[in-house]
Amino acid sequence: SPNSIADEITFIYKSIRAPKDLELIKLQMDSRTEKSTLRFIGFRSLELLLQTEDSVEGISNQIAIETTMTSLPRLLRQSPPSFIPSEHLSNYELNNQHYSSIIAGCAPSIHRCLTSSVHSIYECLGAILASTLVQDLQRNQKTIFSMSSFMFGLLANYFTVLRQSDFKSVLENIVPSLAKFIGFCREDALKEEDSLLTVEEGLLCAVNR
């Protein structure tokens, strides 16, 4: 909010009492920029793997894509402070922060590049998810549990904190796919039991309903 920003600016000015304080702030901002640059390299690498760049096609094999995407949630989270003991890491809240919080204080150019890269990755994921869902539905799968595990792996990457500025790039491509996915779940839950289902499949269908 504007008030919180004004309070932060006031706090910064009150903290500056001598030229060495300015030097310390500059060193901290340079350190943030360096760390953010390394984080951007990770996002940019994922982006280049997924999309076509200068006539070089991105990866299309589902196993390769799923393996590549395992690093995305980790890149979107902030690393725990070094002073947190390993036995207490499970209690340290890392998943409720927006990805921009991990680059706070870095140079604006790095911030823009990283944000653009994250949005591009999710645009690629949305397109891959849409085509995968169409392929699964065309196979006339009997139950939601027989659909591609690859699709569920893609959906797991959307369990992250988003802001309004992310909605267009991150959510625009996934909403139509989610509508189809939920519609398929509803049809599967309302249809009669298939007598050919095993006990395990019947139990899973009951839980789904």
Protein backbone atom coordinates (compact mmCIF):
# COMPACT_ATOMS: atom_id res chain seq x y z
CA SER A 1 0.00 0.00 0.00
CA PRO A 2 1.14 3.64 -0.44
CA ASN A 3 1.30 4.12 3.32
CA SER A 4 3.57 1.12 3.86
CA ILE A 5 5.87 2.29 1.04
CA ALA A 6 6.05 5.76 2.58
CA ASP A 7 6.84 4.22 5.98
CA GLU A 8 9.65 2.14 4.46
CA ILE A 9 11.15 5.20 2.75
CA THR A 10 10.98 7.13 6.01
CA PHE A 11 12.68 4.27 7.83
CA ILE A 12 15.49 4.22 5.26
CA TYR A 13 16.15 7.94 5.61
CA LYS A 14 16.13 7.70 9.39
CA SER A 15 18.68 4.88 9.19
CA ILE A 16 21.18 6.99 7.25
CA ARG A 17 23.33 8.87 9.74
CA ALA A 18 26.72 8.88 7.99
CA PRO A 19 28.23 8.23 4.53
CA LYS A 20 29.23 4.73 5.62
CA ASP A 21 25.53 3.92 6.07
CA LEU A 22 24.97 4.70 2.39
CA GLU A 23 27.87 2.44 1.47
CA LEU A 24 26.36 -0.38 3.51
CA ILE A 25 22.99 0.03 1.79
CA LYS A 26 24.71 0.01 -1.61
CA LEU A 27 26.60 -3.18 -0.73
CA GLN A 28 23.38 -4.87 0.37
CA MET A 29 21.58 -3.85 -2.82
CA ASP A 30 24.51 -5.07 -4.94
CA SER A 31 24.39 -8.39 -3.10
CA ARG A 32 20.64 -8.68 -3.73
CA THR A 33 21.19 -7.92 -7.41
CA GLU A 34 23.86 -10.62 -7.71
CA LYS A 35 21.66 -13.23 -6.04
CA SER A 36 18.67 -12.20 -8.15
CA THR A 37 20.76 -12.50 -11.31
CA LEU A 38 21.62 -16.08 -10.40
CA ARG A 39 17.94 -16.77 -9.76
CA PHE A 40 17.06 -15.25 -13.14
CA ILE A 41 19.56 -17.56 -14.85
CA GLY A 42 17.62 -20.52 -13.43
CA PHE A 43 14.27 -19.20 -14.68
CA ARG A 44 15.73 -18.27 -18.06
CA SER A 45 17.16 -21.77 -18.44
CA LEU A 46 13.70 -23.30 -17.89
CA GLU A 47 12.20 -20.82 -20.33
CA LEU A 48 14.69 -21.73 -23.05
CA LEU A 49 14.06 -25.44 -22.54
CA LEU A 50 10.30 -25.04 -23.01
CA GLN A 51 9.95 -22.61 -25.88
CA THR A 52 11.28 -22.20 -29.40
CA GLU A 53 14.13 -19.71 -29.60
CA ASP A 54 15.84 -18.67 -32.84
CA SER A 55 14.49 -21.69 -34.77
CA VAL A 56 15.65 -24.06 -31.99
CA GLU A 57 12.64 -26.00 -30.74
CA GLY A 58 12.06 -26.56 -27.05
CA ILE A 59 11.75 -29.99 -25.49
CA SER A 60 8.51 -31.84 -26.28
CA ASN A 61 8.98 -35.20 -24.55
CA GLN A 62 6.64 -35.41 -21.56
CA ILE A 63 9.16 -37.12 -19.31
CA ALA A 64 11.75 -34.45 -20.08
CA ILE A 65 9.25 -31.64 -19.43
CA GLU A 66 8.03 -33.19 -16.17
CA THR A 67 11.61 -33.67 -14.96
CA THR A 68 12.50 -30.10 -15.89
CA MET A 69 9.49 -28.66 -14.07
CA THR A 70 10.46 -30.23 -10.75
CA SER A 71 12.85 -27.31 -10.23
CA LEU A 72 10.22 -24.57 -10.79
CA PRO A 73 8.57 -24.64 -7.31
CA ARG A 74 12.02 -24.50 -5.72
CA LEU A 75 13.01 -21.47 -7.82
CA LEU A 76 9.79 -19.69 -6.81
CA ARG A 77 10.55 -20.03 -3.10
CA GLN A 78 12.98 -18.18 -0.93
CA SER A 79 15.79 -20.17 0.62
CA PRO A 80 15.63 -20.46 4.42
CA PRO A 81 18.11 -18.36 6.41
CA SER A 82 21.35 -20.13 7.24
CA PHE A 83 20.74 -19.70 10.97
CA ILE A 84 17.62 -21.90 10.91
CA PRO A 85 18.54 -25.39 12.25
CA SER A 86 17.80 -28.21 9.81
CA GLU A 87 15.38 -29.85 12.28
CA HIS A 88 13.23 -26.69 12.28
CA LEU A 89 13.06 -26.17 8.52
CA SER A 90 9.67 -27.90 8.30
CA ASN A 91 8.19 -25.15 10.51
CA TYR A 92 9.72 -22.29 8.52
CA GLU A 93 7.16 -20.66 6.25
CA LEU A 94 8.53 -20.51 2.70
CA ASN A 95 5.48 -21.28 0.60
CA ASN A 96 3.33 -18.24 1.39
CA GLN A 97 5.56 -15.67 -0.30
CA HIS A 98 5.32 -14.21 -3.77
CA TYR A 99 8.32 -14.94 -5.96
CA SER A 100 9.13 -11.21 -6.16
CA SER A 101 9.95 -11.24 -2.44
CA ILE A 102 13.09 -13.25 -3.16
CA ILE A 103 14.46 -10.47 -5.36
CA ALA A 104 13.42 -7.48 -3.27
CA GLY A 105 16.06 -4.75 -3.38
CA CYS A 106 17.67 -5.86 -6.64
CA ALA A 107 18.19 -3.67 -9.72
CA PRO A 108 14.90 -2.84 -11.54
CA SER A 109 16.22 -4.32 -14.81
CA ILE A 110 16.79 -7.71 -13.17
CA HIS A 111 13.34 -7.53 -11.57
CA ARG A 112 11.72 -6.92 -14.96
CA CYS A 113 13.69 -9.68 -16.67
CA LEU A 114 12.90 -12.23 -13.97
CA THR A 115 9.19 -11.38 -13.93
CA SER A 116 9.03 -11.64 -17.72
CA SER A 117 10.76 -15.02 -17.60
CA VAL A 118 8.36 -16.39 -14.97
CA HIS A 119 5.35 -15.25 -16.99
CA SER A 120 6.79 -16.81 -20.15
CA ILE A 121 7.31 -20.14 -18.36
CA TYR A 122 3.69 -20.22 -17.20
CA GLU A 123 2.46 -19.29 -20.67
CA CYS A 124 4.36 -22.32 -22.01
CA LEU A 125 2.95 -24.51 -19.24
CA GLY A 126 -0.57 -23.35 -20.04
CA ALA A 127 -0.16 -24.27 -23.71
CA ILE A 128 1.33 -27.67 -22.85
CA LEU A 129 -1.44 -28.34 -20.32
CA ALA A 130 -4.15 -27.50 -22.87
CA SER A 131 -2.74 -29.85 -25.51
CA THR A 132 -2.19 -32.64 -22.95
CA LEU A 133 -5.76 -32.37 -21.69
CA VAL A 134 -7.11 -32.60 -25.24
CA GLN A 135 -5.01 -35.70 -25.88
CA ASP A 136 -6.21 -37.37 -22.67
CA LEU A 137 -9.86 -36.65 -23.43
CA GLN A 138 -9.48 -37.94 -26.98
CA ARG A 139 -8.32 -41.28 -25.58
CA ASN A 140 -11.81 -41.73 -24.04
CA GLN A 141 -10.41 -42.38 -20.59
CA LYS A 142 -12.88 -44.16 -18.30
CA THR A 143 -12.05 -42.38 -15.07
CA ILE A 144 -10.20 -39.33 -13.90
CA PHE A 145 -7.60 -41.64 -12.36
CA SER A 146 -6.55 -43.00 -15.73
CA MET A 147 -5.72 -39.56 -17.09
CA SER A 148 -2.13 -38.58 -17.68
CA SER A 149 -0.04 -38.22 -14.51
CA PHE A 150 1.95 -35.71 -16.53
CA MET A 151 -1.06 -33.40 -16.52
CA PHE A 152 -1.31 -33.55 -12.73
CA GLY A 153 2.39 -32.80 -12.52
CA LEU A 154 1.85 -29.64 -14.56
CA LEU A 155 -1.08 -28.55 -12.40
CA ALA A 156 1.08 -28.86 -9.28
CA ASN A 157 3.18 -25.92 -10.49
CA TYR A 158 0.21 -23.57 -10.08
CA PHE A 159 0.14 -23.98 -6.30
CA THR A 160 2.06 -20.78 -5.71
CA VAL A 161 1.37 -17.24 -4.54
CA LEU A 162 0.18 -14.95 -7.34
CA ARG A 163 -0.51 -11.24 -7.57
CA GLN A 164 -2.88 -9.36 -9.84
CA SER A 165 -0.02 -8.51 -12.19
CA ASP A 166 0.49 -12.25 -12.76
CA PHE A 167 -3.12 -13.11 -13.60
CA LYS A 168 -3.03 -12.47 -17.34
CA SER A 169 0.14 -14.41 -18.09
CA VAL A 170 -0.25 -17.19 -15.51
CA LEU A 171 -3.99 -17.80 -15.36
CA GLU A 172 -5.34 -16.78 -18.76
CA ASN A 173 -4.16 -19.97 -20.49
CA ILE A 174 -5.10 -22.35 -17.69
CA VAL A 175 -8.71 -21.27 -17.05
CA PRO A 176 -10.19 -22.93 -20.21
CA SER A 177 -8.25 -26.11 -19.42
CA LEU A 178 -9.49 -26.10 -15.83
CA ALA A 179 -13.07 -25.73 -17.06
CA LYS A 180 -12.67 -28.83 -19.24
CA PHE A 181 -10.92 -30.69 -16.42
CA ILE A 182 -13.63 -29.89 -13.86
CA GLY A 183 -16.32 -30.80 -16.39
CA PHE A 184 -14.69 -34.17 -16.94
CA CYS A 185 -14.50 -34.74 -13.16
CA ARG A 186 -18.19 -33.88 -12.81
CA GLU A 187 -19.23 -36.26 -15.58
CA ASP A 188 -17.07 -39.00 -14.10
CA ALA A 189 -18.57 -38.49 -10.64
CA LEU A 190 -22.17 -38.58 -11.86
CA LYS A 191 -22.02 -41.59 -14.15
CA GLU A 192 -23.06 -45.06 -13.01
CA GLU A 193 -20.56 -47.49 -11.58
CA ASP A 194 -18.76 -49.53 -14.22
CA SER A 195 -19.16 -53.19 -13.36
CA LEU A 196 -15.75 -53.91 -14.88
CA LEU A 197 -13.92 -51.75 -12.34
CA THR A 198 -11.70 -53.50 -9.82
CA VAL A 199 -12.30 -53.06 -6.09
CA GLU A 200 -9.46 -50.56 -5.89
CA GLU A 201 -10.80 -48.51 -8.82
CA GLY A 202 -14.31 -48.62 -7.39
CA LEU A 203 -13.05 -47.31 -4.06
CA LEU A 204 -11.17 -44.49 -5.77
CA CYS A 205 -14.30 -43.57 -7.73
CA ALA A 206 -16.33 -43.51 -4.50
CA VAL A 207 -13.80 -41.18 -2.87
CA ASN A 208 -13.86 -38.98 -5.95
CA ARG A 209 -17.66 -38.68 -5.79
